[in-house]
C-alpha cells in the first residue's frame, strides 16, 4: 500500500479548472470540500468503530472522490490501497492512475 509521504503537499486544482474557469464556481466547490471532508472523516471514524462496513466503504469513497477533485491523488491512491487490501478490490473499483 502506498504511504502518505507528504500529507501537507499542496493541492493541484488542474482537474477543477478543467470543469470551469469561473472563480466563483471553483470557490464554491472548494468550500464544499472543506466543509464536507471533516464530516466524512468523523462519520468514517464512527462507522469504523461500530464495524459498519457499508458505511465505512461509503465514506472512504466520498473522501477518495473529494481528494481526487482537489488534486490530492496521493490520498486517493492511498485509499485505493486500503480498499484493495481490505476489501479485495471488488466492492469499490479504483481507477489506475486516478
PDB file of N, CA and C in Angstrom:
ATOM      1  N   UNK A   1       0.847  -1.172   0.000  1.00  0.00           N
ATOM      2  CA  UNK A   1       0.000   0.000   0.000  1.00  0.00           C
ATOM      3  C   UNK A   1       0.894   1.237   0.000  1.00  0.00           C
ATOM      4  N   UNK A   2       0.514   2.224  -0.761  1.00  0.00           N
ATOM      5  CA  UNK A   2       1.245   3.480  -0.816  1.00  0.00           C
ATOM      6  C   UNK A   2       1.127   4.195   0.518  1.00  0.00           C
ATOM      7  N   UNK A   3       2.219   4.821   0.946  1.00  0.00           N
ATOM      8  CA  UNK A   3       2.139   5.605   2.176  1.00  0.00           C
ATOM      9  C   UNK A   3       1.967   7.073   1.816  1.00  0.00           C
ATOM     10  N   UNK A   4       1.471   7.823   2.754  1.00  0.00           N
ATOM     11  CA  UNK A   4       1.320   9.260   2.545  1.00  0.00           C
ATOM     12  C   UNK A   4       2.600   9.938   2.996  1.00  0.00           C
ATOM     13  N   UNK A   5       3.511  10.107   2.074  1.00  0.00           N
ATOM     14  CA  UNK A   5       4.811  10.677   2.394  1.00  0.00           C
ATOM     15  C   UNK A   5       4.706  12.141   2.810  1.00  0.00           C
ATOM     16  N   UNK A   6       3.869  12.897   2.131  1.00  0.00           N
ATOM     17  CA  UNK A   6       3.793  14.327   2.390  1.00  0.00           C
ATOM     18  C   UNK A   6       2.331  14.747   2.530  1.00  0.00           C
ATOM     19  N   UNK A   7       1.804  14.547   3.714  1.00  0.00           N
ATOM     20  CA  UNK A   7       0.395  14.835   3.953  1.00  0.00           C
ATOM     21  C   UNK A   7       0.077  16.316   3.741  1.00  0.00           C
ATOM     22  N   UNK A   8       1.080  17.169   3.835  1.00  0.00           N
ATOM     23  CA  UNK A   8       0.869  18.606   3.663  1.00  0.00           C
ATOM     24  C   UNK A   8       1.189  19.089   2.258  1.00  0.00           C
ATOM     25  N   UNK A   9       1.234  18.183   1.299  1.00  0.00           N
ATOM     26  CA  UNK A   9       1.511  18.569  -0.087  1.00  0.00           C
ATOM     27  C   UNK A   9       0.439  19.542  -0.572  1.00  0.00           C
ATOM     28  N   UNK A  10       0.795  20.412  -1.497  1.00  0.00           N
ATOM     29  CA  UNK A  10      -0.189  21.383  -1.989  1.00  0.00           C
ATOM     30  C   UNK A  10      -1.268  20.715  -2.841  1.00  0.00           C
ATOM     31  N   UNK A  11      -2.378  21.384  -2.944  1.00  0.00           N
ATOM     32  CA  UNK A  11      -3.452  20.925  -3.813  1.00  0.00           C
ATOM     33  C   UNK A  11      -3.095  21.266  -5.255  1.00  0.00           C
ATOM     34  N   UNK A  12      -3.620  20.504  -6.182  1.00  0.00           N
ATOM     35  CA  UNK A  12      -3.435  20.761  -7.608  1.00  0.00           C
ATOM     36  C   UNK A  12      -4.828  20.941  -8.201  1.00  0.00           C
ATOM     37  N   UNK A  13      -5.157  22.170  -8.538  1.00  0.00           N
ATOM     38  CA  UNK A  13      -6.507  22.477  -8.996  1.00  0.00           C
ATOM     39  C   UNK A  13      -6.681  22.330 -10.503  1.00  0.00           C
ATOM     40  N   UNK A  14      -5.743  21.671 -11.164  1.00  0.00           N
ATOM     41  CA  UNK A  14      -5.831  21.466 -12.609  1.00  0.00           C
ATOM     42  C   UNK A  14      -7.125  20.756 -12.982  1.00  0.00           C
ATOM     43  N   UNK A  15      -7.457  19.709 -12.241  1.00  0.00           N
ATOM     44  CA  UNK A  15      -8.679  18.953 -12.526  1.00  0.00           C
ATOM     45  C   UNK A  15      -9.914  19.835 -12.355  1.00  0.00           C
ATOM     46  N   UNK A  16      -9.952  20.623 -11.297  1.00  0.00           N
ATOM     47  CA  UNK A  16     -11.077  21.534 -11.089  1.00  0.00           C
ATOM     48  C   UNK A  16     -11.182  22.539 -12.226  1.00  0.00           C
ATOM     49  N   UNK A  17     -10.055  23.079 -12.648  1.00  0.00           N
ATOM     50  CA  UNK A  17     -10.052  24.058 -13.737  1.00  0.00           C
ATOM     51  C   UNK A  17     -10.538  23.448 -15.047  1.00  0.00           C
ATOM     52  N   UNK A  18     -10.451  22.141 -15.188  1.00  0.00           N
ATOM     53  CA  UNK A  18     -10.944  21.508 -16.414  1.00  0.00           C
ATOM     54  C   UNK A  18     -12.474  21.571 -16.493  1.00  0.00           C
ATOM     55  N   UNK A  19     -13.134  21.744 -15.356  1.00  0.00           N
ATOM     56  CA  UNK A  19     -14.591  21.883 -15.335  1.00  0.00           C
ATOM     57  C   UNK A  19     -15.016  23.299 -15.671  1.00  0.00           C
ATOM     58  N   UNK A  20     -14.294  24.258 -15.109  1.00  0.00           N
ATOM     59  CA  UNK A  20     -14.710  25.649 -15.257  1.00  0.00           C
ATOM     60  C   UNK A  20     -13.565  26.585 -14.890  1.00  0.00           C
ATOM     61  N   UNK A  21     -13.576  27.727 -15.510  1.00  0.00           N
ATOM     62  CA  UNK A  21     -12.625  28.788 -15.147  1.00  0.00           C
ATOM     63  C   UNK A  21     -13.319  29.875 -14.319  1.00  0.00           C
ATOM     64  N   UNK A  22     -14.565  29.644 -13.981  1.00  0.00           N
ATOM     65  CA  UNK A  22     -15.341  30.588 -13.183  1.00  0.00           C
ATOM     66  C   UNK A  22     -14.883  30.497 -11.731  1.00  0.00           C
ATOM     67  N   UNK A  23     -14.231  31.551 -11.259  1.00  0.00           N
ATOM     68  CA  UNK A  23     -13.672  31.540  -9.907  1.00  0.00           C
ATOM     69  C   UNK A  23     -14.728  31.351  -8.826  1.00  0.00           C
ATOM     70  N   UNK A  24     -15.912  31.924  -9.012  1.00  0.00           N
ATOM     71  CA  UNK A  24     -16.973  31.750  -8.012  1.00  0.00           C
ATOM     72  C   UNK A  24     -17.379  30.282  -7.897  1.00  0.00           C
ATOM     73  N   UNK A  25     -17.483  29.613  -9.036  1.00  0.00           N
ATOM     74  CA  UNK A  25     -17.811  28.189  -9.035  1.00  0.00           C
ATOM     75  C   UNK A  25     -16.714  27.391  -8.336  1.00  0.00           C
ATOM     76  N   UNK A  26     -15.468  27.683  -8.665  1.00  0.00           N
ATOM     77  CA  UNK A  26     -14.343  26.965  -8.067  1.00  0.00           C
ATOM     78  C   UNK A  26     -14.293  27.171  -6.558  1.00  0.00           C
ATOM     79  N   UNK A  27     -14.537  28.387  -6.121  1.00  0.00           N
ATOM     80  CA  UNK A  27     -14.549  28.681  -4.686  1.00  0.00           C
ATOM     81  C   UNK A  27     -15.668  27.905  -3.999  1.00  0.00           C
ATOM     82  N   UNK A  28     -16.821  27.817  -4.647  1.00  0.00           N
ATOM     83  CA  UNK A  28     -17.944  27.062  -4.074  1.00  0.00           C
ATOM     84  C   UNK A  28     -17.589  25.579  -3.923  1.00  0.00           C
ATOM     85  N   UNK A  29     -16.960  25.008  -4.935  1.00  0.00           N
ATOM     86  CA  UNK A  29     -16.556  23.596  -4.873  1.00  0.00           C
ATOM     87  C   UNK A  29     -15.526  23.385  -3.762  1.00  0.00           C
ATOM     88  N   UNK A  30     -14.546  24.273  -3.687  1.00  0.00           N
ATOM     89  CA  UNK A  30     -13.512  24.160  -2.652  1.00  0.00           C
ATOM     90  C   UNK A  30     -14.137  24.291  -1.266  1.00  0.00           C
ATOM     91  N   UNK A  31     -15.049  25.248  -1.100  1.00  0.00           N
ATOM     92  CA  UNK A  31     -15.739  25.412   0.188  1.00  0.00           C
ATOM     93  C   UNK A  31     -16.502  24.145   0.576  1.00  0.00           C
ATOM     94  N   UNK A  32     -17.198  23.546  -0.386  1.00  0.00           N
ATOM     95  CA  UNK A  32     -17.928  22.308  -0.098  1.00  0.00           C
ATOM     96  C   UNK A  32     -16.981  21.203   0.352  1.00  0.00           C
ATOM     97  N   UNK A  33     -15.840  21.110  -0.304  1.00  0.00           N
ATOM     98  CA  UNK A  33     -14.855  20.092   0.081  1.00  0.00           C
ATOM     99  C   UNK A  33     -14.332  20.349   1.489  1.00  0.00           C
ATOM    100  N   UNK A  34     -14.059  21.602   1.795  1.00  0.00           N
ATOM    101  CA  UNK A  34     -13.534  21.947   3.119  1.00  0.00           C
ATOM    102  C   UNK A  34     -14.567  21.718   4.221  1.00  0.00           C
ATOM    103  N   UNK A  35     -15.819  21.926   3.901  1.00  0.00           N
ATOM    104  CA  UNK A  35     -16.886  21.710   4.879  1.00  0.00           C
ATOM    105  C   UNK A  35     -17.171  20.219   5.048  1.00  0.00           C
ATOM    106  N   UNK A  36     -17.266  19.500   3.935  1.00  0.00           N
ATOM    107  CA  UNK A  36     -17.699  18.101   3.979  1.00  0.00           C
ATOM    108  C   UNK A  36     -16.626  17.120   4.421  1.00  0.00           C
ATOM    109  N   UNK A  37     -15.373  17.367   4.083  1.00  0.00           N
ATOM    110  CA  UNK A  37     -14.335  16.386   4.395  1.00  0.00           C
ATOM    111  C   UNK A  37     -14.229  16.088   5.889  1.00  0.00           C
ATOM    112  N   UNK A  38     -14.209  17.083   6.769  1.00  0.00           N
ATOM    113  CA  UNK A  38     -14.169  16.752   8.206  1.00  0.00           C
ATOM    114  C   UNK A  38     -15.399  15.952   8.653  1.00  0.00           C
ATOM    115  N   UNK A  39     -16.558  16.242   8.065  1.00  0.00           N
ATOM    116  CA  UNK A  39     -17.766  15.480   8.397  1.00  0.00           C
ATOM    117  C   UNK A  39     -17.635  14.034   7.922  1.00  0.00           C
ATOM    118  N   UNK A  40     -17.089  13.852   6.724  1.00  0.00           N
ATOM    119  CA  UNK A  40     -16.859  12.496   6.212  1.00  0.00           C
ATOM    120  C   UNK A  40     -15.882  11.742   7.110  1.00  0.00           C
ATOM    121  N   UNK A  41     -14.828  12.427   7.537  1.00  0.00           N
ATOM    122  CA  UNK A  41     -13.829  11.781   8.397  1.00  0.00           C
ATOM    123  C   UNK A  41     -14.450  11.363   9.726  1.00  0.00           C
ATOM    124  N   UNK A  42     -15.252  12.241  10.303  1.00  0.00           N
ATOM    125  CA  UNK A  42     -15.917  11.924  11.571  1.00  0.00           C
ATOM    126  C   UNK A  42     -16.851  10.723  11.402  1.00  0.00           C
ATOM    127  N   UNK A  43     -17.615  10.733  10.324  1.00  0.00           N
ATOM    128  CA  UNK A  43     -18.528   9.616  10.059  1.00  0.00           C
ATOM    129  C   UNK A  43     -17.769   8.331   9.765  1.00  0.00           C
ATOM    130  N   UNK A  44     -16.650   8.442   9.066  1.00  0.00           N
ATOM    131  CA  UNK A  44     -15.814   7.271   8.791  1.00  0.00           C
ATOM    132  C   UNK A  44     -15.305   6.666  10.090  1.00  0.00           C
ATOM    133  N   UNK A  45     -14.775   7.504  10.964  1.00  0.00           N
ATOM    134  CA  UNK A  45     -14.268   7.022  12.255  1.00  0.00           C
ATOM    135  C   UNK A  45     -15.371   6.364  13.078  1.00  0.00           C
ATOM    136  N   UNK A  46     -16.533   6.984  13.113  1.00  0.00           N
ATOM    137  CA  UNK A  46     -17.659   6.435  13.865  1.00  0.00           C
ATOM    138  C   UNK A  46     -18.110   5.097  13.276  1.00  0.00           C
ATOM    139  N   UNK A  47     -18.220   5.044  11.968  1.00  0.00           N
ATOM    140  CA  UNK A  47     -18.639   3.806  11.297  1.00  0.00           C
ATOM    141  C   UNK A  47     -17.626   2.697  11.508  1.00  0.00           C
ATOM    142  N   UNK A  48     -16.352   3.051  11.461  1.00  0.00           N
ATOM    143  CA  UNK A  48     -15.298   2.064  11.683  1.00  0.00           C
ATOM    144  C   UNK A  48     -15.383   1.507  13.102  1.00  0.00           C
ATOM    145  N   UNK A  49     -15.577   2.400  14.079  1.00  0.00           N
ATOM    146  CA  UNK A  49     -15.666   1.976  15.482  1.00  0.00           C
ATOM    147  C   UNK A  49     -16.859   1.050  15.709  1.00  0.00           C
ATOM    148  N   UNK A  50     -17.935   1.289  14.965  1.00  0.00           N
ATOM    149  CA  UNK A  50     -19.143   0.469  15.102  1.00  0.00           C
ATOM    150  C   UNK A  50     -19.128  -0.750  14.177  1.00  0.00           C
ATOM    151  N   UNK A  51     -18.037  -0.899  13.415  1.00  0.00           N
ATOM    152  CA  UNK A  51     -17.894  -2.022  12.464  1.00  0.00           C
ATOM    153  C   UNK A  51     -19.018  -2.051  11.431  1.00  0.00           C
ATOM    154  N   UNK A  52     -19.415  -0.866  10.979  1.00  0.00           N
ATOM    155  CA  UNK A  52     -20.446  -0.740   9.947  1.00  0.00           C
ATOM    156  C   UNK A  52     -19.756  -0.666   8.582  1.00  0.00           C
ATOM    157  N   UNK A  53     -19.457  -1.824   8.020  1.00  0.00           N
ATOM    158  CA  UNK A  53     -18.639  -1.917   6.816  1.00  0.00           C
ATOM    159  C   UNK A  53     -19.204  -1.122   5.642  1.00  0.00           C
ATOM    160  N   UNK A  54     -20.486  -1.209   5.410  1.00  0.00           N
ATOM    161  CA  UNK A  54     -21.076  -0.494   4.271  1.00  0.00           C
ATOM    162  C   UNK A  54     -20.890   1.016   4.408  1.00  0.00           C
ATOM    163  N   UNK A  55     -21.021   1.527   5.626  1.00  0.00           N
ATOM    164  CA  UNK A  55     -20.818   2.968   5.839  1.00  0.00           C
ATOM    165  C   UNK A  55     -19.343   3.336   5.733  1.00  0.00           C
ATOM    166  N   UNK A  56     -18.461   2.464   6.194  1.00  0.00           N
ATOM    167  CA  UNK A  56     -17.019   2.700   6.039  1.00  0.00           C
ATOM    168  C   UNK A  56     -16.697   2.826   4.558  1.00  0.00           C
ATOM    169  N   UNK A  57     -17.207   1.902   3.768  1.00  0.00           N
ATOM    170  CA  UNK A  57     -16.975   1.919   2.322  1.00  0.00           C
ATOM    171  C   UNK A  57     -17.512   3.210   1.713  1.00  0.00           C
ATOM    172  N   UNK A  58     -18.706   3.599   2.115  1.00  0.00           N
ATOM    173  CA  UNK A  58     -19.328   4.816   1.590  1.00  0.00           C
ATOM    174  C   UNK A  58     -18.466   6.045   1.872  1.00  0.00           C
ATOM    175  N   UNK A  59     -18.012   6.191   3.112  1.00  0.00           N
ATOM    176  CA  UNK A  59     -17.243   7.383   3.459  1.00  0.00           C
ATOM    177  C   UNK A  59     -15.828   7.345   2.893  1.00  0.00           C
ATOM    178  N   UNK A  60     -15.245   6.160   2.751  1.00  0.00           N
ATOM    179  CA  UNK A  60     -13.960   6.065   2.047  1.00  0.00           C
ATOM    180  C   UNK A  60     -14.118   6.563   0.614  1.00  0.00           C
ATOM    181  N   UNK A  61     -15.192   6.156  -0.027  1.00  0.00           N
ATOM    182  CA  UNK A  61     -15.449   6.578  -1.402  1.00  0.00           C
ATOM    183  C   UNK A  61     -15.621   8.094  -1.478  1.00  0.00           C
ATOM    184  N   UNK A  62     -16.372   8.656  -0.547  1.00  0.00           N
ATOM    185  CA  UNK A  62     -16.586  10.112  -0.533  1.00  0.00           C
ATOM    186  C   UNK A  62     -15.266  10.867  -0.373  1.00  0.00           C
ATOM    187  N   UNK A  63     -14.449  10.405   0.558  1.00  0.00           N
ATOM    188  CA  UNK A  63     -13.165  11.060   0.808  1.00  0.00           C
ATOM    189  C   UNK A  63     -12.258  10.903  -0.403  1.00  0.00           C
ATOM    190  N   UNK A  64     -12.262   9.719  -0.995  1.00  0.00           N
ATOM    191  CA  UNK A  64     -11.434   9.480  -2.181  1.00  0.00           C
ATOM    192  C   UNK A  64     -11.855  10.413  -3.315  1.00  0.00           C
ATOM    193  N   UNK A  65     -13.149  10.551  -3.536  1.00  0.00           N
ATOM    194  CA  UNK A  65     -13.646  11.426  -4.597  1.00  0.00           C
ATOM    195  C   UNK A  65     -13.275  12.880  -4.341  1.00  0.00           C
ATOM    196  N   UNK A  66     -13.459  13.313  -3.111  1.00  0.00           N
ATOM    197  CA  UNK A  66     -13.157  14.696  -2.758  1.00  0.00           C
ATOM    198  C   UNK A  66     -11.681  15.007  -2.921  1.00  0.00           C
ATOM    199  N   UNK A  67     -10.827  14.124  -2.432  1.00  0.00           N
ATOM    200  CA  UNK A  67      -9.385  14.383  -2.537  1.00  0.00           C
ATOM    201  C   UNK A  67      -8.924  14.335  -3.983  1.00  0.00           C
ATOM    202  N   UNK A  68      -9.561  13.519  -4.791  1.00  0.00           N
ATOM    203  CA  UNK A  68      -9.215  13.452  -6.208  1.00  0.00           C
ATOM    204  C   UNK A  68      -9.578  14.761  -6.910  1.00  0.00           C
ATOM    205  N   UNK A  69     -10.773  15.268  -6.648  1.00  0.00           N
ATOM    206  CA  UNK A  69     -11.207  16.536  -7.241  1.00  0.00           C
ATOM    207  C   UNK A  69     -10.287  17.676  -6.819  1.00  0.00           C
ATOM    208  N   UNK A  70      -9.814  17.621  -5.585  1.00  0.00           N
ATOM    209  CA  UNK A  70      -8.949  18.682  -5.064  1.00  0.00           C
ATOM    210  C   UNK A  70      -7.483  18.513  -5.475  1.00  0.00           C
ATOM    211  N   UNK A  71      -7.206  17.508  -6.277  1.00  0.00           N
ATOM    212  CA  UNK A  71      -5.854  17.347  -6.788  1.00  0.00           C
ATOM    213  C   UNK A  71      -4.896  16.655  -5.846  1.00  0.00           C
ATOM    214  N   UNK A  72      -5.418  15.952  -4.868  1.00  0.00           N
ATOM    215  CA  UNK A  72      -4.565  15.189  -3.949  1.00  0.00           C
ATOM    216  C   UNK A  72      -4.677  13.711  -4.295  1.00  0.00           C
ATOM    217  N   UNK A  73      -4.169  13.375  -5.471  1.00  0.00           N
ATOM    218  CA  UNK A  73      -4.243  11.996  -5.948  1.00  0.00           C
ATOM    219  C   UNK A  73      -3.490  11.036  -5.044  1.00  0.00           C
ATOM    220  N   UNK A  74      -2.489  11.542  -4.311  1.00  0.00           N
ATOM    221  CA  UNK A  74      -1.753  10.660  -3.399  1.00  0.00           C
ATOM    222  C   UNK A  74      -2.682  10.097  -2.326  1.00  0.00           C
ATOM    223  N   UNK A  75      -3.605  10.918  -1.847  1.00  0.00           N
ATOM    224  CA  UNK A  75      -4.556  10.452  -0.836  1.00  0.00           C
ATOM    225  C   UNK A  75      -5.544   9.477  -1.467  1.00  0.00           C
ATOM    226  N   UNK A  76      -6.011   9.797  -2.661  1.00  0.00           N
ATOM    227  CA  UNK A  76      -6.933   8.901  -3.360  1.00  0.00           C
ATOM    228  C   UNK A  76      -6.297   7.544  -3.621  1.00  0.00           C
ATOM    229  N   UNK A  77      -5.048   7.541  -4.030  1.00  0.00           N
ATOM    230  CA  UNK A  77      -4.326   6.293  -4.281  1.00  0.00           C
ATOM    231  C   UNK A  77      -4.145   5.521  -2.981  1.00  0.00           C
ATOM    232  N   UNK A  78      -3.867   6.227  -1.897  1.00  0.00           N
ATOM    233  CA  UNK A  78      -3.730   5.591  -0.586  1.00  0.00           C
ATOM    234  C   UNK A  78      -5.033   4.887  -0.196  1.00  0.00           C
ATOM    235  N   UNK A  79      -6.154   5.575  -0.394  1.00  0.00           N
ATOM    236  CA  UNK A  79      -7.454   4.983  -0.078  1.00  0.00           C
ATOM    237  C   UNK A  79      -7.719   3.774  -0.969  1.00  0.00           C
ATOM    238  N   UNK A  80      -7.336   3.854  -2.236  1.00  0.00           N
ATOM    239  CA  UNK A  80      -7.478   2.692  -3.129  1.00  0.00           C
ATOM    240  C   UNK A  80      -6.697   1.504  -2.576  1.00  0.00           C
ATOM    241  N   UNK A  81      -5.519   1.772  -2.031  1.00  0.00           N
ATOM    242  CA  UNK A  81      -4.725   0.703  -1.428  1.00  0.00           C
ATOM    243  C   UNK A  81      -5.439   0.069  -0.254  1.00  0.00           C
ATOM    244  N   UNK A  82      -6.088   0.896   0.558  1.00  0.00           N
ATOM    245  CA  UNK A  82      -6.868   0.379   1.694  1.00  0.00           C
ATOM    246  C   UNK A  82      -8.004  -0.493   1.174  1.00  0.00           C
ATOM    247  N   UNK A  83      -8.701  -0.001   0.163  1.00  0.00           N
ATOM    248  CA  UNK A  83      -9.815  -0.757  -0.403  1.00  0.00           C
ATOM    249  C   UNK A  83      -9.347  -2.098  -0.959  1.00  0.00           C
ATOM    250  N   UNK A  84      -8.293  -2.062  -1.723  1.00  0.00           N
ATOM    251  CA  UNK A  84      -7.805  -3.292  -2.353  1.00  0.00           C
ATOM    252  C   UNK A  84      -7.297  -4.291  -1.324  1.00  0.00           C
ATOM    253  N   UNK A  85      -6.611  -3.795  -0.309  1.00  0.00           N
ATOM    254  CA  UNK A  85      -6.054  -4.685   0.704  1.00  0.00           C
ATOM    255  C   UNK A  85      -7.143  -5.280   1.595  1.00  0.00           C
ATOM    256  N   UNK A  86      -8.091  -4.456   1.994  1.00  0.00           N
ATOM    257  CA  UNK A  86      -9.076  -4.886   2.982  1.00  0.00           C
ATOM    258  C   UNK A  86     -10.423  -5.298   2.406  1.00  0.00           C
ATOM    259  N   UNK A  87     -10.686  -4.888   1.190  1.00  0.00           N
ATOM    260  CA  UNK A  87     -11.982  -5.202   0.599  1.00  0.00           C
ATOM    261  C   UNK A  87     -11.832  -6.059  -0.647  1.00  0.00           C
ATOM    262  N   UNK A  88     -10.631  -6.491  -0.922  1.00  0.00           N
ATOM    263  CA  UNK A  88     -10.398  -7.336  -2.074  1.00  0.00           C
ATOM    264  C   UNK A  88     -10.496  -6.611  -3.399  1.00  0.00           C
ATOM    265  N   UNK A  89     -10.624  -5.293  -3.344  1.00  0.00           N
ATOM    266  CA  UNK A  89     -10.698  -4.515  -4.569  1.00  0.00           C
ATOM    267  C   UNK A  89     -11.955  -4.770  -5.383  1.00  0.00           C
ATOM    268  N   UNK A  90     -12.926  -5.465  -4.813  1.00  0.00           N
ATOM    269  CA  UNK A  90     -14.118  -5.816  -5.578  1.00  0.00           C
ATOM    270  C   UNK A  90     -15.323  -4.946  -5.243  1.00  0.00           C
ATOM    271  N   UNK A  91     -15.331  -4.360  -4.075  1.00  0.00           N
ATOM    272  CA  UNK A  91     -16.502  -3.585  -3.664  1.00  0.00           C
ATOM    273  C   UNK A  91     -16.485  -2.197  -4.292  1.00  0.00           C
ATOM    274  N   UNK A  92     -15.336  -1.577  -4.277  1.00  0.00           N
ATOM    275  CA  UNK A  92     -15.178  -0.253  -4.872  1.00  0.00           C
ATOM    276  C   UNK A  92     -14.042  -0.352  -5.868  1.00  0.00           C
ATOM    277  N   UNK A  93     -14.306   0.010  -7.090  1.00  0.00           N
ATOM    278  CA  UNK A  93     -13.234  -0.070  -8.082  1.00  0.00           C
ATOM    279  C   UNK A  93     -12.363   1.174  -7.988  1.00  0.00           C
ATOM    280  N   UNK A  94     -11.079   0.976  -8.187  1.00  0.00           N
ATOM    281  CA  UNK A  94     -10.116   2.068  -8.190  1.00  0.00           C
ATOM    282  C   UNK A  94      -9.526   2.164  -9.585  1.00  0.00           C
ATOM    283  N   UNK A  95      -9.621   3.344 -10.151  1.00  0.00           N
ATOM    284  CA  UNK A  95      -9.007   3.555 -11.458  1.00  0.00           C
ATOM    285  C   UNK A  95      -7.506   3.564 -11.287  1.00  0.00           C
ATOM    286  N   UNK A  96      -6.814   3.047 -12.253  1.00  0.00           N
ATOM    287  CA  UNK A  96      -5.361   3.134 -12.197  1.00  0.00           C
ATOM    288  C   UNK A  96      -4.965   4.542 -12.583  1.00  0.00           C
ATOM    289  N   UNK A  97      -4.060   5.107 -11.838  1.00  0.00           N
ATOM    290  CA  UNK A  97      -3.571   6.445 -12.125  1.00  0.00           C
ATOM    291  C   UNK A  97      -4.489   7.563 -11.697  1.00  0.00           C
ATOM    292  N   UNK A  98      -5.581   7.261 -11.099  1.00  0.00           N
ATOM    293  CA  UNK A  98      -6.603   8.202 -10.628  1.00  0.00           C
ATOM    294  C   UNK A  98      -6.569   9.475 -11.368  1.00  0.00           C
TER     295      UNK A  98
END
